[in-house]
Protein backbone atom coordinates (compact mmCIF):
# COMPACT_ATOMS: atom_id res chain seq x y z
CA MET A 1 28.51 8.79 -32.79
CA PRO A 2 26.41 5.23 -33.19
CA LYS A 3 22.66 5.15 -33.06
CA SER A 4 21.44 3.38 -30.11
CA LYS A 5 19.24 0.34 -30.45
CA VAL A 6 15.28 0.71 -30.32
CA ARG A 7 13.99 -1.73 -27.87
CA LYS A 8 10.27 -2.98 -28.52
CA LYS A 9 8.13 -2.65 -25.55
CA PRO A 10 5.52 -4.87 -24.95
CA SER A 11 1.69 -3.25 -25.09
CA TYR A 12 0.69 -1.73 -21.81
CA ALA A 13 -1.36 -4.15 -19.48
CA ALA A 14 -3.51 -2.95 -16.61
CA PRO A 15 -2.86 -4.32 -13.34
CA ALA A 16 -5.46 -6.90 -11.88
CA THR A 17 -8.06 -4.53 -10.29
CA THR A 18 -8.05 -5.88 -6.60
CA THR A 19 -9.80 -3.14 -4.55
CA GLY A 20 -9.63 -3.50 -0.58
CA SER A 21 -7.32 -3.27 1.96
CA LEU A 22 -4.33 -5.27 2.68
CA SER A 23 -5.93 -7.67 4.72
CA GLY A 24 -7.22 -9.29 1.40
CA SER A 25 -11.09 -8.39 1.47
CA SER A 26 -12.60 -8.02 -1.64
CA LYS A 27 -15.17 -5.32 -0.69
CA GLN A 28 -15.58 -2.41 -3.08
CA LEU A 29 -15.09 0.88 -1.54
CA ARG A 30 -17.91 3.25 -1.98
CA PRO A 31 -17.93 7.05 -2.29
CA SER A 32 -18.42 9.09 0.82
CA PRO A 33 -21.97 10.14 1.28
CA THR A 34 -23.37 13.69 0.51
CA TRP A 35 -23.05 14.84 4.01
CA TYR A 36 -19.29 13.92 4.43
CA PRO A 37 -17.58 16.99 2.83
CA ILE A 38 -19.93 19.43 4.01
CA THR A 39 -18.80 17.85 7.53
CA MET A 40 -15.35 18.15 6.82
CA VAL A 41 -15.32 21.64 5.60
CA ALA A 42 -17.75 22.44 8.53
CA LEU A 43 -15.03 21.14 11.03
CA LEU A 44 -12.26 23.19 9.44
CA ILE A 45 -14.23 26.28 9.75
CA ILE A 46 -14.95 25.86 13.27
CA GLY A 47 -11.56 25.05 14.02
CA LEU A 48 -10.24 28.33 12.30
CA ALA A 49 -12.94 30.37 13.41
CA TYR A 50 -12.39 29.12 17.21
CA ILE A 51 -8.95 29.96 16.82
CA VAL A 52 -9.58 33.38 15.87
CA VAL A 53 -12.25 34.14 18.02
CA TYR A 54 -10.04 33.32 20.73
CA TYR A 55 -7.26 35.67 19.48
CA MET A 56 -9.61 38.40 18.80
CA ALA A 57 -12.10 38.42 22.01
CA GLY A 58 -10.59 35.67 24.02
CA GLU A 59 -10.68 37.64 27.42
CA HIS A 60 -13.94 38.83 26.77
CA VAL A 61 -16.00 35.33 26.72
CA PRO A 62 -15.95 33.65 29.98
CA LEU A 63 -15.91 30.09 28.84
CA MET A 64 -12.34 31.10 26.70
CA ARG A 65 -11.01 32.84 29.90
CA ASP A 66 -11.57 30.10 32.06
CA LEU A 67 -10.02 27.15 29.72
CA GLY A 68 -6.98 29.54 29.01
CA SER A 69 -4.50 28.09 26.73
CA TRP A 70 -6.53 24.87 26.15
CA ASN A 71 -8.40 26.67 23.68
CA PHE A 72 -5.67 26.21 20.70
CA GLY A 73 -6.14 22.46 22.11
CA VAL A 74 -10.17 22.94 20.98
CA GLY A 75 -9.73 24.90 18.11
CA PHE A 76 -6.82 22.07 16.72
CA ALA A 77 -9.23 19.33 17.97
CA PHE A 78 -11.79 20.29 15.24
CA LEU A 79 -9.13 21.21 12.66
CA ILE A 80 -7.59 17.93 12.88
CA GLY A 81 -11.01 16.39 12.98
CA GLY A 82 -11.32 17.87 9.55
CA LEU A 83 -8.06 16.77 8.12
CA ILE A 84 -8.60 13.10 9.00
CA MET A 85 -12.05 13.41 7.45
CA ALA A 86 -10.43 15.02 4.18
CA VAL A 87 -7.99 12.01 4.28
CA ARG A 88 -10.38 9.67 4.44
CA TRP A 89 -12.99 11.29 1.49
CA ARG A 90 -13.75 9.45 -1.44
């Protein structure tokens, strides 16, 4: 079997560092503040706890009983808020 030719690859050159959005701004992206991940986790836990409480004792809590199926919307709103924050976390 014939031996294949060895190609010489050029040395790796890092791409030009451009930070910013597609609009061309050269603004440096900074890390998220300290409160950001705390708020993110709190929203996720509150949303999960709200749905669990609704399942376990929803008929005994007057506000939850009045909202009915909208309790899922409230719980998922907290969860989605936490997920949106998780995507934007740096």
